[in-house]
Amino acid sequence: MKKIFFLAALLLTVSYASAQLNFGLKAGYNSSLSLSNLSSIESGDYNLTDVKSELSNGFHAGVFARIGKKLYFEPELLYAMGKKEYTITLQDAMNNDVTYDKFVNISTVDIPLLIGYKIVDLKMLNLRAFAGPKLRLDAGSKLSFDNLVTDGEVTIDDLKGEVKSSQIGLEAGVGVDILMFTLDARFNVIGDMYQTKINSVNVDRIPNTNFVISLGWKLF
């Protein structure tokens, strides 16, 4: 799968070899607040305290290139970090209720490969929309558990955290460029990269989707 991503990037780069090229730095904020979190507020499973926690502690930084003019290709290489906190309630193999707090310290390398279009394209300002696949590589993420409450015999030692080495998702958003500065707002969907097991059985899969805001500076 990785070879497909890099082959696609190579082919697009070659296709746009004679087109306009920009290269720059970017950094920004990424929350772990997802649409599924927001939809559960009404049911009472998620509250404003949870929202505040999800909105904090996210950061990313890296480099990007933009190849093309009105229609463009934008590969990025970003390091991202953050935290996610959940309270999980489920049933074990004996149908006993199990509740625990799950903490995820996120550390990843993200490689979005975006195709964009300049809806408004002026000399000093443009407005863009973009979408594309995203490869996420683990760079040292960790899981931990606390406050276990159960009717059965499950212990903290029975809870095992698993982080996939890689995951593929989708990313889409809008952006604006003013002179050499670029501002993006995007939403990305990444699957169950962080899993929990009880006695080698997967018991929860939490999608690692989030909102991202980034500010970039085109060096040329």
C-alpha atoms as a PDB file:
ATOM      1  CA  MET A   1       0.000   0.000   0.000  1.00  0.00           C
ATOM      2  CA  LYS A   2       2.860   2.381   0.756  1.00  0.00           C
ATOM      3  CA  LYS A   3       4.291   1.720  -2.712  1.00  0.00           C
ATOM      4  CA  ILE A   4       0.984   2.793  -4.280  1.00  0.00           C
ATOM      5  CA  PHE A   5       1.103   6.131  -2.432  1.00  0.00           C
ATOM      6  CA  PHE A   6       4.667   6.901  -3.406  1.00  0.00           C
ATOM      7  CA  LEU A   7       4.111   5.789  -6.995  1.00  0.00           C
ATOM      8  CA  ALA A   8       1.096   8.084  -7.269  1.00  0.00           C
ATOM      9  CA  ALA A   9       3.116  10.966  -5.864  1.00  0.00           C
ATOM     10  CA  LEU A  10       5.936  10.279  -8.331  1.00  0.00           C
ATOM     11  CA  LEU A  11       3.613  10.129 -11.339  1.00  0.00           C
ATOM     12  CA  LEU A  12       1.852  13.347 -10.401  1.00  0.00           C
ATOM     13  CA  THR A  13       5.164  15.075  -9.782  1.00  0.00           C
ATOM     14  CA  VAL A  14       6.434  14.064 -13.202  1.00  0.00           C
ATOM     15  CA  SER A  15       3.169  15.179 -14.822  1.00  0.00           C
ATOM     16  CA  TYR A  16       3.497  18.639 -13.320  1.00  0.00           C
ATOM     17  CA  ALA A  17       7.261  18.918 -13.719  1.00  0.00           C
ATOM     18  CA  SER A  18       6.934  21.953 -15.999  1.00  0.00           C
ATOM     19  CA  ALA A  19       4.185  23.599 -13.939  1.00  0.00           C
ATOM     20  CA  GLN A  20       4.347  26.187 -11.176  1.00  0.00           C
ATOM     21  CA  LEU A  21       6.081  24.909  -8.031  1.00  0.00           C
ATOM     22  CA  ASN A  22       5.828  26.201  -4.462  1.00  0.00           C
ATOM     23  CA  PHE A  23       7.587  24.821  -1.399  1.00  0.00           C
ATOM     24  CA  GLY A  24       6.997  25.888   2.189  1.00  0.00           C
ATOM     25  CA  LEU A  25       6.693  25.227   5.894  1.00  0.00           C
ATOM     26  CA  LYS A  26       3.501  24.758   7.859  1.00  0.00           C
ATOM     27  CA  ALA A  27       2.387  24.274  11.429  1.00  0.00           C
ATOM     28  CA  GLY A  28      -0.930  24.245  13.177  1.00  0.00           C
ATOM     29  CA  TYR A  29      -3.510  22.814  15.495  1.00  0.00           C
ATOM     30  CA  ASN A  30      -5.252  19.466  15.326  1.00  0.00           C
ATOM     31  CA  SER A  31      -8.078  18.448  17.637  1.00  0.00           C
ATOM     32  CA  SER A  32      -9.272  14.890  18.177  1.00  0.00           C
ATOM     33  CA  LEU A  33     -12.922  15.988  18.117  1.00  0.00           C
ATOM     34  CA  SER A  34     -14.832  13.960  15.526  1.00  0.00           C
ATOM     35  CA  LEU A  35     -18.330  14.136  14.070  1.00  0.00           C
ATOM     36  CA  SER A  36     -19.302  10.992  15.990  1.00  0.00           C
ATOM     37  CA  ASN A  37     -18.299  12.725  19.243  1.00  0.00           C
ATOM     38  CA  LEU A  38     -20.477  15.723  18.420  1.00  0.00           C
ATOM     39  CA  SER A  39     -23.480  13.584  17.500  1.00  0.00           C
ATOM     40  CA  SER A  40     -23.339  11.790  20.864  1.00  0.00           C
ATOM     41  CA  ILE A  41     -23.684  15.027  22.884  1.00  0.00           C
ATOM     42  CA  GLU A  42     -27.469  14.925  22.514  1.00  0.00           C
ATOM     43  CA  SER A  43     -27.665  11.340  23.804  1.00  0.00           C
ATOM     44  CA  GLY A  44     -25.791  12.260  26.986  1.00  0.00           C
ATOM     45  CA  ASP A  45     -22.830   9.965  26.258  1.00  0.00           C
ATOM     46  CA  TYR A  46     -20.642  12.986  25.554  1.00  0.00           C
ATOM     47  CA  ASN A  47     -20.647  16.369  27.270  1.00  0.00           C
ATOM     48  CA  LEU A  48     -18.966  19.769  27.055  1.00  0.00           C
ATOM     49  CA  THR A  49     -16.191  18.642  29.408  1.00  0.00           C
ATOM     50  CA  ASP A  50     -15.354  15.865  26.962  1.00  0.00           C
ATOM     51  CA  VAL A  51     -15.434  18.370  24.088  1.00  0.00           C
ATOM     52  CA  LYS A  52     -12.963  20.640  25.909  1.00  0.00           C
ATOM     53  CA  SER A  53     -10.602  17.705  26.417  1.00  0.00           C
ATOM     54  CA  GLU A  54     -10.800  16.688  22.763  1.00  0.00           C
ATOM     55  CA  LEU A  55     -10.064  20.232  21.587  1.00  0.00           C
ATOM     56  CA  SER A  56      -6.802  20.516  23.528  1.00  0.00           C
ATOM     57  CA  ASN A  57      -3.244  19.262  23.181  1.00  0.00           C
ATOM     58  CA  GLY A  58      -2.963  18.868  19.405  1.00  0.00           C
ATOM     59  CA  PHE A  59      -0.118  20.178  17.240  1.00  0.00           C
ATOM     60  CA  HIS A  60       1.504  19.439  13.892  1.00  0.00           C
ATOM     61  CA  ALA A  61       4.417  20.836  11.872  1.00  0.00           C
ATOM     62  CA  GLY A  62       6.205  19.995   8.655  1.00  0.00           C
ATOM     63  CA  VAL A  63       6.751  20.855   5.019  1.00  0.00           C
ATOM     64  CA  PHE A  64       4.612  20.953   1.887  1.00  0.00           C
ATOM     65  CA  ALA A  65       4.985  21.360  -1.855  1.00  0.00           C
ATOM     66  CA  ARG A  66       2.398  22.639  -4.314  1.00  0.00           C
ATOM     67  CA  ILE A  67       2.687  21.711  -7.975  1.00  0.00           C
ATOM     68  CA  GLY A  68       0.385  23.259 -10.552  1.00  0.00           C
ATOM     69  CA  LYS A  69      -1.620  26.429 -11.004  1.00  0.00           C
ATOM     70  CA  LYS A  70      -5.425  26.450 -10.881  1.00  0.00           C
ATOM     71  CA  LEU A  71      -5.502  22.672 -10.500  1.00  0.00           C
ATOM     72  CA  TYR A  72      -2.654  21.532  -8.272  1.00  0.00           C
ATOM     73  CA  PHE A  73      -1.117  18.590  -6.430  1.00  0.00           C
ATOM     74  CA  GLU A  74       0.033  19.114  -2.825  1.00  0.00           C
ATOM     75  CA  PRO A  75       2.065  16.444  -1.007  1.00  0.00           C
ATOM     76  CA  GLU A  76       2.869  17.123   2.653  1.00  0.00           C
ATOM     77  CA  LEU A  77       5.114  15.602   5.305  1.00  0.00           C
ATOM     78  CA  LEU A  78       3.950  16.419   8.833  1.00  0.00           C
ATOM     79  CA  TYR A  79       4.772  15.369  12.369  1.00  0.00           C
ATOM     80  CA  ALA A  80       1.663  15.363  14.577  1.00  0.00           C
ATOM     81  CA  MET A  81       1.180  14.924  18.301  1.00  0.00           C
ATOM     82  CA  GLY A  82      -1.729  15.108  20.701  1.00  0.00           C
ATOM     83  CA  LYS A  83      -3.806  13.373  23.339  1.00  0.00           C
ATOM     84  CA  LYS A  84      -7.157  11.592  23.393  1.00  0.00           C
ATOM     85  CA  GLU A  85      -9.097  10.553  26.501  1.00  0.00           C
ATOM     86  CA  TYR A  86     -12.129   8.263  26.587  1.00  0.00           C
ATOM     87  CA  THR A  87     -14.287   6.455  29.098  1.00  0.00           C
ATOM     88  CA  ILE A  88     -15.129   3.043  27.628  1.00  0.00           C
ATOM     89  CA  THR A  89     -18.095   0.915  28.702  1.00  0.00           C
ATOM     90  CA  LEU A  90     -18.530  -2.567  27.203  1.00  0.00           C
ATOM     91  CA  GLN A  91     -19.196  -6.214  28.032  1.00  0.00           C
ATOM     92  CA  ASP A  92     -16.587  -8.942  28.353  1.00  0.00           C
ATOM     93  CA  ALA A  93     -16.909 -12.525  27.104  1.00  0.00           C
ATOM     94  CA  MET A  94     -19.027 -13.420  30.176  1.00  0.00           C
ATOM     95  CA  ASN A  95     -21.412 -10.465  29.547  1.00  0.00           C
ATOM     96  CA  ASN A  96     -20.090  -8.577  32.550  1.00  0.00           C
ATOM     97  CA  ASP A  97     -19.982  -4.764  32.312  1.00  0.00           C
ATOM     98  CA  VAL A  98     -16.484  -3.329  32.008  1.00  0.00           C
ATOM     99  CA  THR A  99     -15.740   0.409  32.309  1.00  0.00           C
ATOM    100  CA  TYR A 100     -12.310   2.024  32.120  1.00  0.00           C
ATOM    101  CA  ASP A 101     -10.571   5.255  31.158  1.00  0.00           C
ATOM    102  CA  LYS A 102      -8.406   5.051  28.047  1.00  0.00           C
ATOM    103  CA  PHE A 103      -5.575   7.525  27.402  1.00  0.00           C
ATOM    104  CA  VAL A 104      -3.889   7.828  24.004  1.00  0.00           C
ATOM    105  CA  ASN A 105      -0.682   9.828  23.559  1.00  0.00           C
ATOM    106  CA  ILE A 106      -0.508  10.413  19.819  1.00  0.00           C
ATOM    107  CA  SER A 107       2.763  10.677  17.914  1.00  0.00           C
ATOM    108  CA  THR A 108       2.551  10.166  14.142  1.00  0.00           C
ATOM    109  CA  VAL A 109       4.041  11.088  10.795  1.00  0.00           C
ATOM    110  CA  ASP A 110       1.289  12.115   8.360  1.00  0.00           C
ATOM    111  CA  ILE A 111       1.642  12.144   4.569  1.00  0.00           C
ATOM    112  CA  PRO A 112      -1.400  13.760   2.877  1.00  0.00           C
ATOM    113  CA  LEU A 113      -1.457  13.612  -0.945  1.00  0.00           C
ATOM    114  CA  LEU A 114      -3.984  16.253  -1.930  1.00  0.00           C
ATOM    115  CA  ILE A 115      -5.535  17.370  -5.196  1.00  0.00           C
ATOM    116  CA  GLY A 116      -6.793  20.945  -5.018  1.00  0.00           C
ATOM    117  CA  TYR A 117      -8.620  23.478  -7.163  1.00  0.00           C
ATOM    118  CA  LYS A 118      -8.466  27.268  -6.874  1.00  0.00           C
ATOM    119  CA  ILE A 119     -12.078  28.437  -6.844  1.00  0.00           C
ATOM    120  CA  VAL A 120     -10.968  32.065  -6.721  1.00  0.00           C
ATOM    121  CA  ASP A 121      -7.569  32.718  -8.300  1.00  0.00           C
ATOM    122  CA  LEU A 122      -6.337  36.314  -8.033  1.00  0.00           C
ATOM    123  CA  LYS A 123      -2.811  37.674  -8.060  1.00  0.00           C
ATOM    124  CA  MET A 124      -2.613  38.348  -4.313  1.00  0.00           C
ATOM    125  CA  LEU A 125      -5.357  36.048  -3.014  1.00  0.00           C
ATOM    126  CA  ASN A 126      -6.950  32.725  -3.831  1.00  0.00           C
ATOM    127  CA  LEU A 127      -9.580  30.454  -2.321  1.00  0.00           C
ATOM    128  CA  ARG A 128      -9.066  26.697  -2.625  1.00  0.00           C
ATOM    129  CA  ALA A 129     -10.828  23.386  -2.050  1.00  0.00           C
ATOM    130  CA  PHE A 130      -8.933  20.107  -1.830  1.00  0.00           C
ATOM    131  CA  ALA A 131      -9.177  16.417  -0.977  1.00  0.00           C
ATOM    132  CA  GLY A 132      -7.086  13.290  -1.153  1.00  0.00           C
ATOM    133  CA  PRO A 133      -5.711  10.215   0.616  1.00  0.00           C
ATOM    134  CA  LYS A 134      -3.579  10.388   3.725  1.00  0.00           C
ATOM    135  CA  LEU A 135      -1.016   7.916   5.017  1.00  0.00           C
ATOM    136  CA  ARG A 136      -0.417   7.922   8.780  1.00  0.00           C
ATOM    137  CA  LEU A 137       2.640   6.227  10.291  1.00  0.00           C
ATOM    138  CA  ASP A 138       3.006   5.619  14.007  1.00  0.00           C
ATOM    139  CA  ALA A 139       5.972   7.448  15.560  1.00  0.00           C
ATOM    140  CA  GLY A 140       5.748   6.291  19.169  1.00  0.00           C
ATOM    141  CA  SER A 141       2.084   6.561  20.200  1.00  0.00           C
ATOM    142  CA  LYS A 142       1.217   4.980  23.556  1.00  0.00           C
ATOM    143  CA  LEU A 143      -1.941   3.691  25.245  1.00  0.00           C
ATOM    144  CA  SER A 144      -2.666   3.479  28.954  1.00  0.00           C
ATOM    145  CA  PHE A 145      -5.680   2.549  31.089  1.00  0.00           C
ATOM    146  CA  ASP A 146      -7.026   3.561  34.487  1.00  0.00           C
ATOM    147  CA  ASN A 147     -10.065   3.431  36.802  1.00  0.00           C
ATOM    148  CA  LEU A 148     -11.246  -0.055  35.836  1.00  0.00           C
ATOM    149  CA  VAL A 149     -14.721  -0.958  37.128  1.00  0.00           C
ATOM    150  CA  THR A 150     -16.116  -4.416  36.350  1.00  0.00           C
ATOM    151  CA  ASP A 151     -18.600  -6.998  37.622  1.00  0.00           C
ATOM    152  CA  GLY A 152     -16.319  -9.800  36.452  1.00  0.00           C
ATOM    153  CA  GLU A 153     -12.683 -10.784  36.898  1.00  0.00           C
ATOM    154  CA  VAL A 154     -11.032  -8.479  34.330  1.00  0.00           C
ATOM    155  CA  THR A 155      -8.018  -6.588  35.690  1.00  0.00           C
ATOM    156  CA  ILE A 156      -5.929  -3.690  34.363  1.00  0.00           C
ATOM    157  CA  ASP A 157      -3.283  -6.262  33.420  1.00  0.00           C
ATOM    158  CA  ASP A 158      -5.836  -7.951  31.118  1.00  0.00           C
ATOM    159  CA  LEU A 159      -6.221  -4.749  29.072  1.00  0.00           C
ATOM    160  CA  LYS A 160      -3.723  -4.595  26.226  1.00  0.00           C
ATOM    161  CA  GLY A 161      -3.264  -1.588  23.951  1.00  0.00           C
ATOM    162  CA  GLU A 162      -2.346  -1.985  20.305  1.00  0.00           C
ATOM    163  CA  VAL A 163      -1.225   0.754  17.924  1.00  0.00           C
ATOM    164  CA  LYS A 164      -1.091  -0.053  14.211  1.00  0.00           C
ATOM    165  CA  SER A 165       2.149   0.847  12.477  1.00  0.00           C
ATOM    166  CA  SER A 166       0.269   2.540   9.638  1.00  0.00           C
ATOM    167  CA  GLN A 167      -3.206   3.526   8.525  1.00  0.00           C
ATOM    168  CA  ILE A 168      -4.760   5.060   5.421  1.00  0.00           C
ATOM    169  CA  GLY A 169      -7.501   7.679   5.524  1.00  0.00           C
ATOM    170  CA  LEU A 170      -9.069  10.552   3.630  1.00  0.00           C
ATOM    171  CA  GLU A 171      -8.678  14.290   4.072  1.00  0.00           C
ATOM    172  CA  ALA A 172     -10.691  17.212   2.670  1.00  0.00           C
ATOM    173  CA  GLY A 173     -10.937  20.913   3.347  1.00  0.00           C
ATOM    174  CA  VAL A 174     -10.727  24.501   2.157  1.00  0.00           C
ATOM    175  CA  GLY A 175      -7.929  27.041   2.219  1.00  0.00           C
ATOM    176  CA  VAL A 176      -7.015  30.618   1.417  1.00  0.00           C
ATOM    177  CA  ASP A 177      -3.713  32.094   0.246  1.00  0.00           C
ATOM    178  CA  ILE A 178      -2.745  35.714   0.848  1.00  0.00           C
ATOM    179  CA  LEU A 179       0.583  36.635  -0.720  1.00  0.00           C
ATOM    180  CA  MET A 180       3.049  33.998   0.600  1.00  0.00           C
ATOM    181  CA  PHE A 181       0.868  32.859   3.504  1.00  0.00           C
ATOM    182  CA  THR A 182      -1.591  29.977   3.358  1.00  0.00           C
ATOM    183  CA  LEU A 183      -4.342  29.022   5.825  1.00  0.00           C
ATOM    184  CA  ASP A 184      -6.116  25.643   5.679  1.00  0.00           C
ATOM    185  CA  ALA A 185      -9.081  24.168   7.559  1.00  0.00           C
ATOM    186  CA  ARG A 186      -9.616  20.472   6.978  1.00  0.00           C
ATOM    187  CA  PHE A 187     -11.247  17.315   8.320  1.00  0.00           C
ATOM    188  CA  ASN A 188      -9.593  13.927   8.092  1.00  0.00           C
ATOM    189  CA  VAL A 189     -10.966  10.445   8.605  1.00  0.00           C
ATOM    190  CA  ILE A 190      -8.559   7.761   9.817  1.00  0.00           C
ATOM    191  CA  GLY A 191      -9.764   4.342  10.932  1.00  0.00           C
ATOM    192  CA  ASP A 192      -9.222   2.298  14.084  1.00  0.00           C
ATOM    193  CA  MET A 193      -5.493   2.891  14.547  1.00  0.00           C
ATOM    194  CA  TYR A 194      -5.722   2.523  18.337  1.00  0.00           C
ATOM    195  CA  GLN A 195      -7.316  -0.675  19.641  1.00  0.00           C
ATOM    196  CA  THR A 196      -7.849  -2.290  23.014  1.00  0.00           C
ATOM    197  CA  LYS A 197      -7.862  -6.030  23.676  1.00  0.00           C
ATOM    198  CA  ILE A 198      -9.032  -8.132  26.609  1.00  0.00           C
ATOM    199  CA  ASN A 199      -7.389 -11.572  26.541  1.00  0.00           C
ATOM    200  CA  SER A 200      -6.405 -11.079  22.865  1.00  0.00           C
ATOM    201  CA  VAL A 201      -9.957 -10.130  21.797  1.00  0.00           C
ATOM    202  CA  ASN A 202     -10.563  -6.652  20.327  1.00  0.00           C
ATOM    203  CA  VAL A 203     -13.083  -4.830  22.497  1.00  0.00           C
ATOM    204  CA  ASP A 204     -13.003  -1.262  21.208  1.00  0.00           C
ATOM    205  CA  ARG A 205     -11.934   0.464  18.008  1.00  0.00           C
ATOM    206  CA  ILE A 206     -11.905   4.255  18.166  1.00  0.00           C
ATOM    207  CA  PRO A 207     -11.488   6.093  14.846  1.00  0.00           C
ATOM    208  CA  ASN A 208      -8.709   8.674  14.926  1.00  0.00           C
ATOM    209  CA  THR A 209     -10.602  11.364  13.004  1.00  0.00           C
ATOM    210  CA  ASN A 210     -10.028  15.048  13.665  1.00  0.00           C
ATOM    211  CA  PHE A 211     -10.299  18.676  12.609  1.00  0.00           C
ATOM    212  CA  VAL A 212      -7.089  20.424  11.529  1.00  0.00           C
ATOM    213  CA  ILE A 213      -6.179  24.091  11.111  1.00  0.00           C
ATOM    214  CA  SER A 214      -2.744  24.977   9.737  1.00  0.00           C
ATOM    215  CA  LEU A 215      -0.830  28.098   8.754  1.00  0.00           C
ATOM    216  CA  GLY A 216       1.827  27.829   6.065  1.00  0.00           C
ATOM    217  CA  TRP A 217       4.523  30.036   4.578  1.00  0.00           C
ATOM    218  CA  LYS A 218       5.538  29.524   0.973  1.00  0.00           C
ATOM    219  CA  LEU A 219       9.300  30.001   0.828  1.00  0.00           C
ATOM    220  CA  PHE A 220       9.157  30.179  -2.983  1.00  0.00           C
END
